Amino acid sequence: MEEEDIVLVAKELLSEKESAESKECSSHWPRKDRSQWLITLMASTASIYVTRIIMPLCEPTLALDMGWNKRESGLVLSSFFWGYLITQIPGGFLSDVYGAERLLLWAVTGCSLSTLVIPLVASQKVTSPITLVLISRLALGVFQGIYYPSLYSLLAKSLPISERSSCSAFALAGGPVGSLVIGGLGSLVLARCGWRWVFLSFGSIGLLWAVLWKKIFIDHNSQMNPTYSPSHTKSEQSSARKNVPWGKIISEPAIWAVVIVHFCHNCMYFTLISWMPTYFHENFPESQGWVFNVVPYIGNFVGKLGGGYVADKMIKMGFSVAFTRKFLETLGTCVPALVLLSTSQAVHFWQALVCMSMALCLCGASTSGSLMNIQDLSPGFAGSISGVVFTISAIPGVLGVYATGYILHVTNSWTTVFQLTAVICTAGCAVYNVFAKGHKIL
């Protein structure tokens, strides 16, 4: 009887494991449909980044037109991140509970509308134009704060771990694609038509994407198969609504390691994407805008895709998930910060361009480091955890971008900015390498 009981228990455990694995696999996108989801998500990320980068691209011209000084320009650039802070946690929680598809729709639509109104409010004479521009930028941040936690929630539940890094990196590579579009075509429109047409023409891209997403990926797929996407599963929504383990989330050292290193990474990344056009305009005024607004983002695109490929390859070769994430994060945060130190010594345009391009290329590897680590730690609550991570790590966008403007206003020294960035990023990597984990904890 004892042997029979042991066999029976073993069969029950095996059956439960197979059932759990089957449930998890059933929530993944079918392989035949995966490419269309990822391409469409890459397009949405591109449209999001277009709306984010328009202001840094146009800031030198806009500041001259509006009479802003460096402090006021820093205020305008950083105001985006005020809104970005507000909606990260609510966006992540709502995506885990109610499904990410509709939140992505609202986020992209809101970003487009917030961008389209800026030329209108900047031209009116009723009140201070800069005040209304700040409000519009804040609204843009609010909608983008919803987007990324929702995207991470959707990807975590829809992809197997063996392909999670490369597939997620593909969707997130829309960021540099959007930067390339606005950096290349946007620079041409800016030079020929003025800054207002940059906002109006490129701000409308997200509205076109929203129509496609609503008609095909929400309405059509819901009619054909209500459980096509994992976020449509009502039992999972009900469970998430009741059981988001906030206490464990905020007390887990591995999650705080992600928070800290991504905070430090963003001190560098947000400074680069916000102030890079100004750096080139001031130090190399004869350089072509379409060159320095395009080439570094080609590097970032390559870095994101390459980092995803390397991460999946390392895991398949037998490297632990923890080691893989630490390696990619060090490559994507510590190394580019050190590369930036060389930028301050550049005396020729091509030297500065190479350094900036290398830095942004390496930054892309971080996507498959700490950011992908969120999905490793808790696929079921990736949206909620992403909300916590992105809320805190958005602070450099508010304080860091403004502080950069203040430092430049007072000292006129880019070297000081790059040195401070290198110290912060090195410290963040050290913390992550000590406390990061690679297995599921929630």
Protein backbone atom coordinates (compact mmCIF):
# COMPACT_ATOMS: atom_id res chain seq x y z
CA MET A 1 0.00 0.00 0.00
CA GLU A 2 2.82 2.40 0.83
CA GLU A 3 4.38 1.95 -2.61
CA GLU A 4 0.98 2.44 -4.25
CA ASP A 5 0.43 5.63 -2.23
CA ILE A 6 3.83 6.97 -3.26
CA VAL A 7 3.10 6.24 -6.93
CA LEU A 8 -0.33 7.89 -6.62
CA VAL A 9 1.12 11.02 -5.02
CA ALA A 10 3.84 11.20 -7.68
CA LYS A 11 1.25 10.95 -10.44
CA GLU A 12 -0.83 13.71 -8.85
CA LEU A 13 2.20 16.00 -8.55
CA LEU A 14 3.19 15.29 -12.15
CA SER A 15 -0.36 15.96 -13.28
CA GLU A 16 -0.44 19.29 -11.42
CA LYS A 17 2.90 20.31 -12.93
CA GLU A 18 1.76 19.40 -16.45
CA SER A 19 -1.50 21.29 -15.88
CA ALA A 20 0.38 24.40 -14.73
CA GLU A 21 2.77 24.20 -17.69
CA SER A 22 -0.13 23.67 -20.07
CA LYS A 23 -1.95 26.70 -18.63
CA GLU A 24 1.17 28.83 -18.96
CA CYS A 25 1.80 27.71 -22.54
CA SER A 26 -1.84 28.32 -23.50
CA SER A 27 -1.43 31.95 -22.47
CA HIS A 28 1.46 32.45 -24.90
CA TRP A 29 0.89 33.90 -28.35
CA PRO A 30 0.66 31.17 -31.03
CA ARG A 31 3.91 31.08 -32.98
CA LYS A 32 2.11 31.81 -36.26
CA ASP A 33 0.66 35.03 -34.81
CA ARG A 34 3.65 36.14 -32.75
CA SER A 35 5.34 38.13 -35.51
CA GLN A 36 2.30 40.32 -36.21
CA TRP A 37 1.93 41.12 -32.52
CA LEU A 38 5.61 42.01 -32.15
CA ILE A 39 5.76 44.12 -35.33
CA THR A 40 2.67 46.06 -34.27
CA LEU A 41 4.06 46.58 -30.77
CA MET A 42 7.35 47.77 -32.24
CA ALA A 43 5.35 50.30 -34.27
CA SER A 44 3.54 51.51 -31.15
CA THR A 45 6.81 51.91 -29.26
CA ALA A 46 8.19 53.84 -32.22
CA SER A 47 5.21 56.21 -32.22
CA ILE A 48 5.60 56.70 -28.45
CA TYR A 49 9.27 57.58 -28.86
CA VAL A 50 8.55 59.96 -31.71
CA THR A 51 6.34 62.03 -29.40
CA ARG A 52 8.99 61.93 -26.67
CA ILE A 53 11.91 63.01 -28.88
CA ILE A 54 10.14 65.80 -30.79
CA MET A 55 10.75 68.36 -28.04
CA PRO A 56 14.50 67.65 -27.58
CA LEU A 57 14.87 67.79 -31.37
CA CYS A 58 13.09 71.13 -31.68
CA GLU A 59 14.29 72.65 -28.38
CA PRO A 60 17.22 74.69 -29.78
CA THR A 61 14.99 76.28 -32.45
CA LEU A 62 11.96 76.55 -30.17
CA ALA A 63 14.00 78.10 -27.35
CA LEU A 64 15.35 80.72 -29.74
CA ASP A 65 11.86 81.44 -31.07
CA MET A 66 10.29 81.64 -27.59
CA GLY A 67 13.22 83.33 -25.84
CA TRP A 68 13.92 80.55 -23.31
CA ASN A 69 17.20 80.34 -21.39
CA LYS A 70 18.89 77.05 -20.38
CA ARG A 71 16.98 76.85 -17.09
CA GLU A 72 13.62 77.30 -18.83
CA SER A 73 14.59 74.79 -21.52
CA GLY A 74 15.51 72.31 -18.80
CA LEU A 75 12.12 72.92 -17.20
CA VAL A 76 10.30 72.19 -20.46
CA LEU A 77 12.34 69.06 -21.17
CA SER A 78 11.92 67.71 -17.62
CA SER A 79 8.18 68.46 -17.36
CA PHE A 80 7.48 65.33 -19.41
CA PHE A 81 8.80 63.26 -16.53
CA TRP A 82 6.52 64.90 -13.95
CA GLY A 83 3.59 63.19 -15.64
CA TYR A 84 5.65 60.07 -16.34
CA LEU A 85 6.05 59.57 -12.59
CA ILE A 86 2.33 59.74 -11.81
CA THR A 87 0.90 56.87 -13.86
CA GLN A 88 3.55 54.13 -13.77
CA ILE A 89 2.14 52.19 -10.80
CA PRO A 90 -1.56 52.68 -11.72
CA GLY A 91 -0.77 51.71 -15.31
CA GLY A 92 1.03 48.53 -14.27
CA PHE A 93 -1.67 47.51 -11.81
CA LEU A 94 -4.52 48.14 -14.24
CA SER A 95 -2.76 46.21 -17.01
CA ASP A 96 -2.32 43.18 -14.72
CA VAL A 97 -5.92 43.36 -13.57
CA TYR A 98 -7.93 44.41 -16.62
CA GLY A 99 -5.64 43.60 -19.54
CA ALA A 100 -2.96 45.57 -21.33
CA GLU A 101 -4.44 45.92 -24.83
CA ARG A 102 -6.86 48.74 -24.11
CA LEU A 103 -4.38 50.58 -21.91
CA LEU A 104 -1.90 50.54 -24.78
CA LEU A 105 -4.60 52.02 -27.02
CA TRP A 106 -5.35 54.84 -24.57
CA ALA A 107 -1.66 55.55 -24.01
CA VAL A 108 -0.72 55.90 -27.68
CA THR A 109 -3.81 57.97 -28.50
CA GLY A 110 -3.19 60.30 -25.56
CA CYS A 111 0.45 60.78 -26.53
CA SER A 112 -0.50 61.84 -30.05
CA LEU A 113 -3.13 64.32 -28.88
CA SER A 114 -0.79 65.81 -26.25
CA THR A 115 1.81 66.38 -28.96
CA LEU A 116 -0.55 67.87 -31.52
CA VAL A 117 -1.72 70.64 -29.17
CA ILE A 118 1.76 72.06 -28.45
CA PRO A 119 1.99 74.29 -31.58
CA LEU A 120 -1.47 75.60 -30.77
CA VAL A 121 -0.84 76.47 -27.12
CA ALA A 122 2.62 77.90 -27.85
CA SER A 123 1.10 80.41 -30.28
CA GLN A 124 -1.75 81.77 -28.13
CA LYS A 125 -1.53 85.07 -26.23
CA VAL A 126 -4.09 84.53 -23.44
CA THR A 127 -1.60 83.32 -20.85
CA SER A 128 2.08 82.43 -20.64
CA PRO A 129 2.89 80.09 -23.56
CA ILE A 130 5.54 78.26 -21.56
CA THR A 131 2.95 77.36 -18.90
CA LEU A 132 0.68 75.68 -21.44
CA VAL A 133 3.64 73.93 -23.07
CA LEU A 134 4.60 72.57 -19.64
CA ILE A 135 1.04 71.29 -19.11
CA SER A 136 1.03 69.62 -22.54
CA ARG A 137 4.38 67.96 -21.87
CA LEU A 138 3.13 66.79 -18.47
CA ALA A 139 0.06 65.22 -20.13
CA LEU A 140 2.36 63.48 -22.61
CA GLY A 141 4.27 62.01 -19.68
CA VAL A 142 1.04 60.84 -18.03
CA PHE A 143 0.08 58.78 -21.08
CA GLN A 144 3.59 57.41 -21.64
CA GLY A 145 3.66 56.38 -17.98
CA ILE A 146 0.79 54.01 -18.75
CA TYR A 147 2.43 52.56 -21.85
CA TYR A 148 5.57 50.79 -20.66
CA PRO A 149 4.18 48.89 -17.63
CA SER A 150 1.30 47.74 -19.85
CA LEU A 151 3.72 46.58 -22.53
CA TYR A 152 5.85 44.65 -20.02
CA SER A 153 2.74 43.04 -18.54
CA LEU A 154 1.60 41.88 -21.98
CA LEU A 155 5.03 40.56 -23.02
CA ALA A 156 5.64 38.72 -19.73
CA LYS A 157 2.43 36.71 -20.08
CA SER A 158 2.68 36.14 -23.82
CA LEU A 159 6.23 34.85 -24.41
CA PRO A 160 8.12 31.70 -23.29
CA ILE A 161 11.24 32.41 -21.23
CA SER A 162 13.54 30.89 -23.88
CA GLU A 163 12.48 33.59 -26.37
CA ARG A 164 11.50 36.38 -24.00
CA SER A 165 14.65 38.48 -24.30
CA SER A 166 14.91 38.58 -28.09
CA CYS A 167 11.16 39.01 -28.70
CA SER A 168 10.78 41.70 -26.05
CA ALA A 169 13.89 43.46 -27.33
CA PHE A 170 12.32 43.48 -30.80
CA ALA A 171 9.16 45.18 -29.52
CA LEU A 172 11.19 47.65 -27.45
CA ALA A 173 13.52 48.36 -30.39
CA GLY A 174 10.70 50.55 -31.64
CA GLY A 175 12.23 53.20 -29.37
CA PRO A 176 15.34 53.76 -31.49
CA VAL A 177 13.27 53.25 -34.66
CA GLY A 178 11.07 56.16 -33.60
CA SER A 179 14.14 58.16 -32.72
CA LEU A 180 15.57 57.45 -36.20
CA VAL A 181 12.34 58.56 -37.86
CA ILE A 182 12.09 61.81 -35.94
CA GLY A 183 15.84 62.38 -36.02
CA GLY A 184 16.10 61.93 -39.79
CA LEU A 185 12.80 63.04 -41.30
CA GLY A 186 12.04 65.35 -38.39
CA SER A 187 15.31 67.21 -38.88
CA LEU A 188 14.45 67.75 -42.55
CA VAL A 189 10.95 69.00 -41.74
CA LEU A 190 12.39 71.25 -39.03
CA ALA A 191 14.90 72.78 -41.44
CA ARG A 192 12.42 73.33 -44.27
CA CYS A 193 9.05 73.92 -42.59
CA GLY A 194 9.76 74.97 -39.00
CA TRP A 195 9.20 73.38 -35.62
CA ARG A 196 5.38 73.63 -35.66
CA TRP A 197 5.10 71.24 -38.60
CA VAL A 198 7.32 68.72 -36.83
CA PHE A 199 4.82 68.49 -33.98
CA LEU A 200 1.78 68.41 -36.26
CA SER A 201 3.03 65.88 -38.81
CA PHE A 202 4.75 63.38 -36.53
CA GLY A 203 2.30 63.75 -33.66
CA SER A 204 -0.42 62.21 -35.82
CA ILE A 205 1.42 58.89 -36.35
CA GLY A 206 0.07 57.39 -33.13
CA LEU A 207 -3.53 58.05 -34.18
CA LEU A 208 -3.04 55.90 -37.29
CA TRP A 209 -1.58 53.11 -35.14
CA ALA A 210 -4.49 53.36 -32.69
CA VAL A 211 -7.03 52.77 -35.46
CA LEU A 212 -5.15 49.64 -36.60
CA TRP A 213 -4.82 48.31 -33.04
CA LYS A 214 -8.49 48.90 -32.22
CA LYS A 215 -9.88 47.34 -35.38
CA ILE A 216 -7.58 44.32 -35.73
CA PHE A 217 -6.03 43.44 -32.39
CA ILE A 218 -8.92 44.24 -30.06
CA ASP A 219 -12.24 44.06 -31.94
CA HIS A 220 -11.40 41.36 -34.51
CA ASN A 221 -9.40 39.05 -32.25
CA SER A 222 -11.96 39.36 -29.45
CA GLN A 223 -14.67 38.21 -31.86
CA MET A 224 -12.60 35.37 -33.28
CA ASN A 225 -11.18 34.14 -29.96
CA PRO A 226 -11.92 35.85 -26.61
CA THR A 227 -8.84 34.24 -25.03
CA TYR A 228 -6.50 35.14 -27.87
CA SER A 229 -4.45 37.26 -25.48
CA PRO A 230 -3.57 36.21 -21.94
CA SER A 231 -4.81 39.51 -20.55
CA HIS A 232 -8.34 38.52 -21.59
CA THR A 233 -8.41 35.61 -19.14
CA LYS A 234 -11.01 36.53 -16.52
CA SER A 235 -9.74 34.17 -13.83
CA GLU A 236 -6.27 35.73 -14.04
CA GLN A 237 -7.76 39.22 -13.90
CA SER A 238 -9.80 38.34 -10.81
CA SER A 239 -6.77 36.77 -9.12
CA ALA A 240 -4.58 39.77 -9.88
CA ARG A 241 -7.26 42.17 -8.64
CA LYS A 242 -7.31 40.49 -5.24
CA ASN A 243 -3.76 39.24 -4.81
CA VAL A 244 -1.15 41.72 -6.03
CA PRO A 245 1.52 41.10 -3.33
CA TRP A 246 2.52 44.70 -2.71
CA GLY A 247 4.21 43.87 0.58
CA LYS A 248 6.49 41.30 -1.03
CA ILE A 249 7.15 43.56 -4.00
CA ILE A 250 8.40 46.49 -1.92
CA SER A 251 10.39 44.30 0.49
CA GLU A 252 12.24 42.09 -2.02
CA PRO A 253 15.96 43.03 -2.40
CA ALA A 254 16.11 41.67 -5.97
CA ILE A 255 13.35 44.06 -7.04
CA TRP A 256 15.10 46.97 -5.35
CA ALA A 257 18.29 46.01 -7.19
CA VAL A 258 16.38 46.47 -10.46
CA VAL A 259 14.97 49.78 -9.22
CA ILE A 260 18.37 51.16 -8.23
CA VAL A 261 20.28 50.17 -11.35
CA HIS A 262 17.52 51.37 -13.66
CA PHE A 263 17.40 54.67 -11.74
CA CYS A 264 21.14 55.08 -12.31
CA HIS A 265 20.88 53.98 -15.95
CA ASN A 266 18.21 56.59 -16.59
CA CYS A 267 20.39 59.33 -15.12
CA MET A 268 22.55 58.70 -18.16
CA TYR A 269 19.93 57.76 -20.76
CA PHE A 270 17.45 60.58 -20.11
CA THR A 271 20.26 63.12 -20.08
CA LEU A 272 21.51 61.81 -23.44
CA ILE A 273 18.18 61.79 -25.28
CA SER A 274 17.14 65.16 -23.83
CA TRP A 275 20.37 67.14 -24.19
CA MET A 276 22.28 65.46 -27.04
CA PRO A 277 20.98 67.83 -29.76
CA THR A 278 21.96 70.82 -27.61
CA TYR A 279 25.43 69.33 -27.02
CA PHE A 280 26.10 69.04 -30.75
CA HIS A 281 24.59 72.43 -31.57
CA GLU A 282 26.83 74.15 -29.01
CA ASN A 283 30.08 72.26 -29.54
CA PHE A 284 29.87 71.61 -33.28
CA PRO A 285 27.54 74.29 -34.71
CA GLU A 286 28.45 73.46 -38.32
CA SER A 287 27.37 69.81 -38.00
CA GLN A 288 24.28 68.51 -39.76
CA GLY A 289 21.33 67.87 -37.44
CA TRP A 290 20.10 64.83 -39.34
CA VAL A 291 23.47 63.13 -38.73
CA PHE A 292 23.69 63.44 -34.94
CA ASN A 293 19.95 62.91 -34.57
CA VAL A 294 20.09 59.63 -36.53
CA VAL A 295 23.43 57.83 -36.20
CA PRO A 296 23.41 57.37 -32.38
CA TYR A 297 19.93 55.85 -32.53
CA ILE A 298 21.03 53.37 -35.18
CA GLY A 299 23.52 52.23 -32.57
CA ASN A 300 20.78 52.03 -29.94
CA PHE A 301 18.62 49.91 -32.26
CA VAL A 302 21.50 47.50 -32.89
CA GLY A 303 22.25 47.37 -29.16
CA LYS A 304 18.68 46.45 -28.21
CA LEU A 305 18.35 43.66 -30.78
CA GLY A 306 21.89 42.43 -30.19
CA GLY A 307 21.39 42.39 -26.43
CA GLY A 308 18.22 40.32 -26.77
CA TYR A 309 19.93 37.83 -29.07
CA VAL A 310 22.96 37.50 -26.77
CA ALA A 311 20.77 37.04 -23.68
CA ASP A 312 18.68 34.23 -25.20
CA LYS A 313 21.82 32.60 -26.62
CA MET A 314 23.57 32.68 -23.23
CA ILE A 315 20.58 31.12 -21.46
CA LYS A 316 20.33 28.35 -24.10
CA MET A 317 24.08 27.70 -23.73
CA GLY A 318 23.60 27.03 -20.02
CA PHE A 319 24.51 30.33 -18.38
CA SER A 320 22.24 31.11 -15.45
CA VAL A 321 19.52 33.70 -15.93
CA ALA A 322 20.99 35.75 -13.06
CA PHE A 323 24.48 35.83 -14.61
CA THR A 324 23.04 36.70 -18.02
CA ARG A 325 21.03 39.63 -16.66
CA LYS A 326 24.00 40.96 -14.66
CA PHE A 327 26.32 40.71 -17.65
CA LEU A 328 23.94 42.55 -19.99
CA GLU A 329 23.17 45.21 -17.38
CA THR A 330 26.85 45.92 -16.75
CA LEU A 331 27.38 46.14 -20.51
CA GLY A 332 24.38 48.46 -20.85
CA THR A 333 24.88 50.80 -17.88
CA CYS A 334 28.44 50.86 -16.57
CA VAL A 335 30.38 50.63 -19.84
CA PRO A 336 28.51 53.39 -21.76
CA ALA A 337 28.90 55.75 -18.80
CA LEU A 338 32.65 55.25 -19.04
CA VAL A 339 32.52 55.82 -22.81
CA LEU A 340 30.87 59.20 -22.18
CA LEU A 341 33.99 60.33 -20.34
CA SER A 342 35.76 60.25 -23.69
CA THR A 343 33.06 62.45 -25.22
CA SER A 344 34.12 65.42 -23.12
CA GLN A 345 37.61 65.14 -24.66
CA ALA A 346 36.38 65.09 -28.27
CA VAL A 347 37.72 67.94 -30.40
CA HIS A 348 36.21 66.84 -33.73
CA PHE A 349 32.59 66.19 -34.62
CA TRP A 350 33.22 62.62 -35.75
CA GLN A 351 34.92 61.78 -32.43
CA ALA A 352 31.93 63.01 -30.43
CA LEU A 353 29.54 61.22 -32.80
CA VAL A 354 31.37 57.90 -32.39
CA CYS A 355 31.37 58.23 -28.59
CA MET A 356 27.67 59.12 -28.41
CA SER A 357 26.77 56.32 -30.82
CA MET A 358 28.79 53.76 -28.84
CA ALA A 359 27.19 54.92 -25.59
CA LEU A 360 23.64 54.61 -26.93
CA CYS A 361 24.44 51.28 -28.60
CA LEU A 362 25.63 49.84 -25.30
CA CYS A 363 22.65 51.38 -23.49
CA GLY A 364 20.43 49.15 -25.61
CA ALA A 365 21.87 46.03 -23.95
CA SER A 366 20.26 47.08 -20.66
CA THR A 367 16.86 46.14 -22.10
CA SER A 368 17.86 42.47 -21.79
CA GLY A 369 19.45 43.07 -18.39
CA SER A 370 17.52 44.54 -15.49
CA LEU A 371 14.37 45.35 -17.48
CA MET A 372 13.95 41.76 -18.66
CA ASN A 373 14.74 40.65 -15.12
CA ILE A 374 11.33 42.02 -14.08
CA GLN A 375 9.68 39.31 -16.17
CA ASP A 376 11.98 36.65 -14.69
CA LEU A 377 11.10 37.60 -11.13
CA SER A 378 7.32 37.63 -11.59
CA PRO A 379 5.65 37.06 -14.97
CA GLY A 380 2.19 37.29 -13.40
CA PHE A 381 2.77 40.68 -11.78
CA ALA A 382 5.25 42.16 -14.26
CA GLY A 383 2.99 45.15 -14.89
CA SER A 384 2.73 46.06 -11.21
CA ILE A 385 6.47 45.59 -10.60
CA SER A 386 7.27 47.58 -13.75
CA GLY A 387 5.10 50.37 -12.40
CA VAL A 388 7.16 50.53 -9.20
CA VAL A 389 10.46 50.32 -11.08
CA PHE A 390 9.54 52.90 -13.71
CA THR A 391 8.04 55.33 -11.19
CA ILE A 392 11.22 55.58 -9.15
CA SER A 393 13.53 55.40 -12.16
CA ALA A 394 11.65 58.24 -13.84
CA ILE A 395 12.89 60.65 -11.15
CA PRO A 396 16.14 61.29 -13.09
CA GLY A 397 13.94 62.55 -15.90
CA VAL A 398 12.55 65.23 -13.58
CA LEU A 399 15.57 66.06 -11.45
CA GLY A 400 18.41 64.82 -13.65
CA VAL A 401 17.36 66.55 -16.87
CA TYR A 402 16.63 69.79 -15.01
CA ALA A 403 19.86 69.48 -13.00
CA THR A 404 21.81 69.06 -16.23
CA GLY A 405 20.36 72.30 -17.50
CA TYR A 406 21.22 74.01 -14.22
CA ILE A 407 24.81 72.67 -14.23
CA LEU A 408 25.30 73.85 -17.81
CA HIS A 409 23.76 77.22 -17.00
CA VAL A 410 26.11 77.74 -14.03
CA THR A 411 29.34 76.03 -15.16
CA ASN A 412 28.95 75.65 -18.93
CA SER A 413 30.79 72.33 -18.46
CA TRP A 414 29.73 69.13 -20.22
CA THR A 415 32.69 67.37 -18.58
CA THR A 416 31.09 67.81 -15.15
CA VAL A 417 27.84 66.30 -16.43
CA PHE A 418 29.57 63.24 -17.91
CA GLN A 419 31.78 62.64 -14.86
CA LEU A 420 28.83 62.73 -12.47
CA THR A 421 26.92 60.36 -14.76
CA ALA A 422 29.80 57.84 -14.76
CA VAL A 423 29.98 57.77 -10.96
CA ILE A 424 26.22 57.23 -10.58
CA CYS A 425 26.05 54.43 -13.17
CA THR A 426 29.05 52.56 -11.74
CA ALA A 427 27.50 52.62 -8.26
CA GLY A 428 24.16 51.34 -9.58
CA CYS A 429 25.80 48.42 -11.40
CA ALA A 430 27.66 47.41 -8.25
CA VAL A 431 24.39 47.19 -6.29
CA TYR A 432 22.67 45.19 -9.03
CA ASN A 433 25.47 42.66 -9.32
CA VAL A 434 25.28 41.97 -5.58
CA PHE A 435 21.51 41.61 -5.09
CA ALA A 436 19.98 40.58 -8.44
CA LYS A 437 18.29 37.16 -8.86
CA GLY A 438 17.24 35.27 -11.95
CA HIS A 439 14.46 32.96 -10.76
CA LYS A 440 10.75 33.48 -10.16
CA ILE A 441 10.06 34.85 -6.68
CA LEU A 442 6.40 35.94 -6.92
